[in-house]
Amino acid sequence: MDKKLLNILVCPLCKGPLVYLDEAQELVCRADRLAFPIRGDIPVMLEDEARKLAADEYGQAAVGQLVPRSPAPGMISPTGRPATF
């Protein structure tokens, strides 16, 4: 997967960060609990093509490789402060 592309991709629904799971070939949005497939090195960022994460899979996405990128404008961290990545 192209690192430059991973740096600019966000969830198409919430515009939040994605977790890249290399072995599963998926980009996961933890906020929406969706896994977007990667087919032939091309991310399929369509809600209809995304797989809903099961409750037991949700925690597994946290161990994936986080996709580094700048936070979206106005994004707030869980502490209530502006997000910094």
N, C-alpha and C. Protein backbone atom coordinates (compact mmCIF):
# COMPACT_ATOMS: atom_id res chain seq x y z
N MET A 1 0.86 -1.18 0.00
CA MET A 1 0.00 0.00 0.00
C MET A 1 0.90 1.24 0.00
N ASP A 2 0.59 2.20 -0.83
CA ASP A 2 1.36 3.42 -0.98
C ASP A 2 1.25 4.29 0.27
N LYS A 3 2.38 4.58 0.91
CA LYS A 3 2.40 5.37 2.14
C LYS A 3 1.86 6.78 1.94
N LYS A 4 2.13 7.37 0.78
CA LYS A 4 1.62 8.72 0.51
C LYS A 4 0.09 8.73 0.48
N LEU A 5 -0.48 7.70 -0.11
CA LEU A 5 -1.94 7.60 -0.16
C LEU A 5 -2.50 7.39 1.24
N LEU A 6 -1.86 6.55 2.03
CA LEU A 6 -2.32 6.31 3.40
C LEU A 6 -2.31 7.58 4.24
N ASN A 7 -1.37 8.48 3.95
CA ASN A 7 -1.28 9.72 4.71
C ASN A 7 -2.45 10.67 4.47
N ILE A 8 -3.11 10.57 3.34
CA ILE A 8 -4.19 11.51 3.04
C ILE A 8 -5.59 10.91 3.18
N LEU A 9 -5.69 9.59 3.26
CA LEU A 9 -7.01 8.96 3.36
C LEU A 9 -7.62 9.15 4.73
N VAL A 10 -8.91 9.42 4.75
CA VAL A 10 -9.70 9.50 5.98
C VAL A 10 -10.99 8.71 5.75
N CYS A 11 -11.71 8.45 6.81
CA CYS A 11 -13.00 7.77 6.68
C CYS A 11 -13.94 8.65 5.86
N PRO A 12 -14.59 8.08 4.84
CA PRO A 12 -15.49 8.89 4.02
C PRO A 12 -16.76 9.34 4.77
N LEU A 13 -17.07 8.69 5.89
CA LEU A 13 -18.27 9.04 6.63
C LEU A 13 -18.02 10.12 7.68
N CYS A 14 -17.03 9.88 8.55
CA CYS A 14 -16.80 10.81 9.66
C CYS A 14 -15.57 11.68 9.48
N LYS A 15 -14.79 11.42 8.43
CA LYS A 15 -13.54 12.13 8.14
C LYS A 15 -12.48 11.90 9.22
N GLY A 16 -12.65 10.83 10.01
CA GLY A 16 -11.70 10.49 11.06
C GLY A 16 -10.54 9.67 10.54
N PRO A 17 -9.56 9.41 11.41
CA PRO A 17 -8.37 8.64 11.03
C PRO A 17 -8.69 7.18 10.77
N LEU A 18 -7.83 6.54 9.99
CA LEU A 18 -7.98 5.13 9.67
C LEU A 18 -6.80 4.34 10.20
N VAL A 19 -7.04 3.08 10.51
CA VAL A 19 -5.99 2.16 10.92
C VAL A 19 -5.76 1.19 9.77
N TYR A 20 -4.51 1.09 9.33
CA TYR A 20 -4.17 0.19 8.22
C TYR A 20 -3.81 -1.18 8.79
N LEU A 21 -4.56 -2.20 8.38
CA LEU A 21 -4.29 -3.57 8.78
C LEU A 21 -3.73 -4.30 7.57
N ASP A 22 -2.41 -4.47 7.57
CA ASP A 22 -1.69 -5.02 6.43
C ASP A 22 -2.14 -6.45 6.12
N GLU A 23 -2.17 -7.32 7.12
CA GLU A 23 -2.52 -8.73 6.88
C GLU A 23 -3.94 -8.89 6.35
N ALA A 24 -4.87 -8.10 6.88
CA ALA A 24 -6.27 -8.19 6.45
C ALA A 24 -6.53 -7.39 5.17
N GLN A 25 -5.57 -6.52 4.79
CA GLN A 25 -5.75 -5.63 3.64
C GLN A 25 -7.04 -4.83 3.79
N GLU A 26 -7.11 -4.11 4.93
CA GLU A 26 -8.26 -3.27 5.23
C GLU A 26 -7.81 -1.97 5.88
N LEU A 27 -8.62 -0.95 5.70
CA LEU A 27 -8.48 0.31 6.42
C LEU A 27 -9.67 0.39 7.36
N VAL A 28 -9.39 0.55 8.65
CA VAL A 28 -10.44 0.49 9.66
C VAL A 28 -10.69 1.86 10.25
N CYS A 29 -11.97 2.23 10.32
CA CYS A 29 -12.41 3.42 11.04
C CYS A 29 -12.96 2.93 12.37
N ARG A 30 -12.23 3.24 13.45
CA ARG A 30 -12.68 2.79 14.76
C ARG A 30 -13.92 3.54 15.21
N ALA A 31 -14.08 4.79 14.82
CA ALA A 31 -15.25 5.57 15.22
C ALA A 31 -16.54 4.99 14.66
N ASP A 32 -16.51 4.61 13.38
CA ASP A 32 -17.70 4.06 12.73
C ASP A 32 -17.75 2.54 12.77
N ARG A 33 -16.66 1.91 13.25
CA ARG A 33 -16.56 0.46 13.34
C ARG A 33 -16.77 -0.20 11.97
N LEU A 34 -16.07 0.36 10.97
CA LEU A 34 -16.15 -0.15 9.61
C LEU A 34 -14.75 -0.50 9.11
N ALA A 35 -14.67 -1.56 8.30
CA ALA A 35 -13.41 -1.97 7.67
C ALA A 35 -13.59 -1.85 6.16
N PHE A 36 -12.80 -0.96 5.56
CA PHE A 36 -12.85 -0.74 4.12
C PHE A 36 -11.82 -1.64 3.45
N PRO A 37 -12.21 -2.42 2.45
CA PRO A 37 -11.26 -3.36 1.82
C PRO A 37 -10.25 -2.65 0.94
N ILE A 38 -9.10 -3.29 0.79
CA ILE A 38 -8.08 -2.85 -0.16
C ILE A 38 -7.95 -3.97 -1.18
N ARG A 39 -8.25 -3.66 -2.44
CA ARG A 39 -8.21 -4.66 -3.50
C ARG A 39 -7.19 -4.23 -4.56
N GLY A 40 -6.17 -5.06 -4.75
CA GLY A 40 -5.14 -4.73 -5.73
C GLY A 40 -4.44 -3.42 -5.43
N ASP A 41 -4.15 -3.17 -4.17
CA ASP A 41 -3.52 -1.93 -3.70
C ASP A 41 -4.39 -0.69 -3.86
N ILE A 42 -5.69 -0.88 -4.10
CA ILE A 42 -6.61 0.25 -4.25
C ILE A 42 -7.64 0.18 -3.12
N PRO A 43 -7.67 1.20 -2.23
CA PRO A 43 -8.67 1.21 -1.16
C PRO A 43 -10.06 1.47 -1.74
N VAL A 44 -11.01 0.66 -1.32
CA VAL A 44 -12.40 0.82 -1.74
C VAL A 44 -13.12 1.56 -0.61
N MET A 45 -13.25 2.87 -0.76
CA MET A 45 -13.77 3.71 0.32
C MET A 45 -15.27 3.99 0.16
N LEU A 46 -16.02 2.96 -0.12
CA LEU A 46 -17.47 3.08 -0.27
C LEU A 46 -18.15 2.41 0.92
N GLU A 47 -19.13 3.10 1.49
CA GLU A 47 -19.83 2.55 2.66
C GLU A 47 -20.48 1.21 2.34
N ASP A 48 -21.02 1.07 1.14
CA ASP A 48 -21.68 -0.19 0.75
C ASP A 48 -20.70 -1.36 0.67
N GLU A 49 -19.41 -1.08 0.44
CA GLU A 49 -18.40 -2.13 0.33
C GLU A 49 -17.71 -2.41 1.68
N ALA A 50 -17.93 -1.54 2.66
CA ALA A 50 -17.27 -1.70 3.97
C ALA A 50 -17.92 -2.83 4.76
N ARG A 51 -17.08 -3.45 5.57
CA ARG A 51 -17.54 -4.54 6.44
C ARG A 51 -17.70 -3.97 7.85
N LYS A 52 -18.86 -4.25 8.46
CA LYS A 52 -19.11 -3.81 9.83
C LYS A 52 -18.27 -4.66 10.77
N LEU A 53 -17.53 -4.03 11.66
CA LEU A 53 -16.69 -4.76 12.61
C LEU A 53 -17.55 -5.41 13.68
N ALA A 54 -17.25 -6.67 13.97
CA ALA A 54 -17.90 -7.37 15.06
C ALA A 54 -17.36 -6.82 16.37
N ALA A 55 -18.09 -7.01 17.46
CA ALA A 55 -17.69 -6.49 18.77
C ALA A 55 -16.31 -7.00 19.18
N ASP A 56 -16.00 -8.26 18.88
CA ASP A 56 -14.70 -8.81 19.28
C ASP A 56 -13.56 -8.35 18.37
N GLU A 57 -13.87 -7.83 17.19
CA GLU A 57 -12.85 -7.32 16.27
C GLU A 57 -12.48 -5.89 16.58
N TYR A 58 -13.36 -5.17 17.24
CA TYR A 58 -13.16 -3.74 17.46
C TYR A 58 -11.84 -3.45 18.16
N GLY A 59 -11.51 -4.19 19.19
CA GLY A 59 -10.27 -3.97 19.91
C GLY A 59 -9.05 -4.35 19.10
N GLN A 60 -9.19 -5.31 18.18
CA GLN A 60 -8.06 -5.76 17.38
C GLN A 60 -7.59 -4.66 16.43
N ALA A 61 -8.48 -3.78 16.02
CA ALA A 61 -8.10 -2.70 15.11
C ALA A 61 -7.11 -1.76 15.78
N ALA A 62 -7.14 -1.70 17.09
CA ALA A 62 -6.24 -0.79 17.80
C ALA A 62 -4.78 -1.24 17.71
N VAL A 63 -4.54 -2.52 17.45
CA VAL A 63 -3.16 -2.99 17.37
C VAL A 63 -2.60 -2.87 15.97
N GLY A 64 -3.38 -2.39 15.01
CA GLY A 64 -2.89 -2.20 13.65
C GLY A 64 -1.94 -1.02 13.59
N GLN A 65 -1.40 -0.81 12.44
CA GLN A 65 -0.47 0.31 12.23
C GLN A 65 -1.29 1.57 11.99
N LEU A 66 -1.16 2.54 12.86
CA LEU A 66 -1.90 3.79 12.68
C LEU A 66 -1.37 4.52 11.46
N VAL A 67 -2.26 5.09 10.71
CA VAL A 67 -1.90 5.85 9.52
C VAL A 67 -1.58 7.28 9.96
N PRO A 68 -0.32 7.71 9.86
CA PRO A 68 0.02 9.06 10.31
C PRO A 68 -0.57 10.10 9.38
N ARG A 69 -1.18 11.12 9.96
CA ARG A 69 -1.72 12.23 9.18
C ARG A 69 -2.01 13.37 10.13
N SER A 70 -2.26 14.52 9.58
CA SER A 70 -2.62 15.67 10.40
C SER A 70 -4.08 15.54 10.81
N PRO A 71 -4.43 16.03 12.01
CA PRO A 71 -5.83 15.95 12.42
C PRO A 71 -6.70 16.87 11.57
N ALA A 72 -7.96 16.51 11.43
CA ALA A 72 -8.91 17.35 10.71
C ALA A 72 -9.13 18.63 11.51
N PRO A 73 -9.36 19.75 10.84
CA PRO A 73 -9.59 21.00 11.55
C PRO A 73 -10.75 20.85 12.53
N GLY A 74 -10.55 21.32 13.75
CA GLY A 74 -11.61 21.27 14.75
C GLY A 74 -11.74 19.94 15.46
N MET A 75 -10.88 18.99 15.15
CA MET A 75 -10.96 17.67 15.77
C MET A 75 -10.59 17.78 17.25
N ILE A 76 -11.36 17.16 18.12
CA ILE A 76 -11.15 17.23 19.56
C ILE A 76 -10.72 15.87 20.07
N SER A 77 -9.72 15.84 20.95
CA SER A 77 -9.26 14.59 21.53
C SER A 77 -10.22 14.16 22.64
N PRO A 78 -10.10 12.89 23.13
CA PRO A 78 -10.96 12.45 24.22
C PRO A 78 -10.81 13.29 25.49
N THR A 79 -9.71 14.02 25.63
CA THR A 79 -9.50 14.86 26.82
C THR A 79 -10.22 16.19 26.71
N GLY A 80 -10.80 16.48 25.53
CA GLY A 80 -11.48 17.74 25.33
C GLY A 80 -10.59 18.83 24.77
N ARG A 81 -9.31 18.52 24.57
CA ARG A 81 -8.37 19.48 24.01
C ARG A 81 -8.28 19.27 22.50
N PRO A 82 -7.83 20.28 21.75
CA PRO A 82 -7.64 20.07 20.31
C PRO A 82 -6.71 18.89 20.07
N ALA A 83 -7.03 18.09 19.09
CA ALA A 83 -6.25 16.87 18.80
C ALA A 83 -4.91 17.22 18.21
N THR A 84 -3.89 16.49 18.64
CA THR A 84 -2.57 16.60 18.05
C THR A 84 -2.08 15.19 17.78
N PHE A 85 -1.57 14.98 16.58
CA PHE A 85 -1.10 13.65 16.18
C PHE A 85 0.35 13.72 15.85
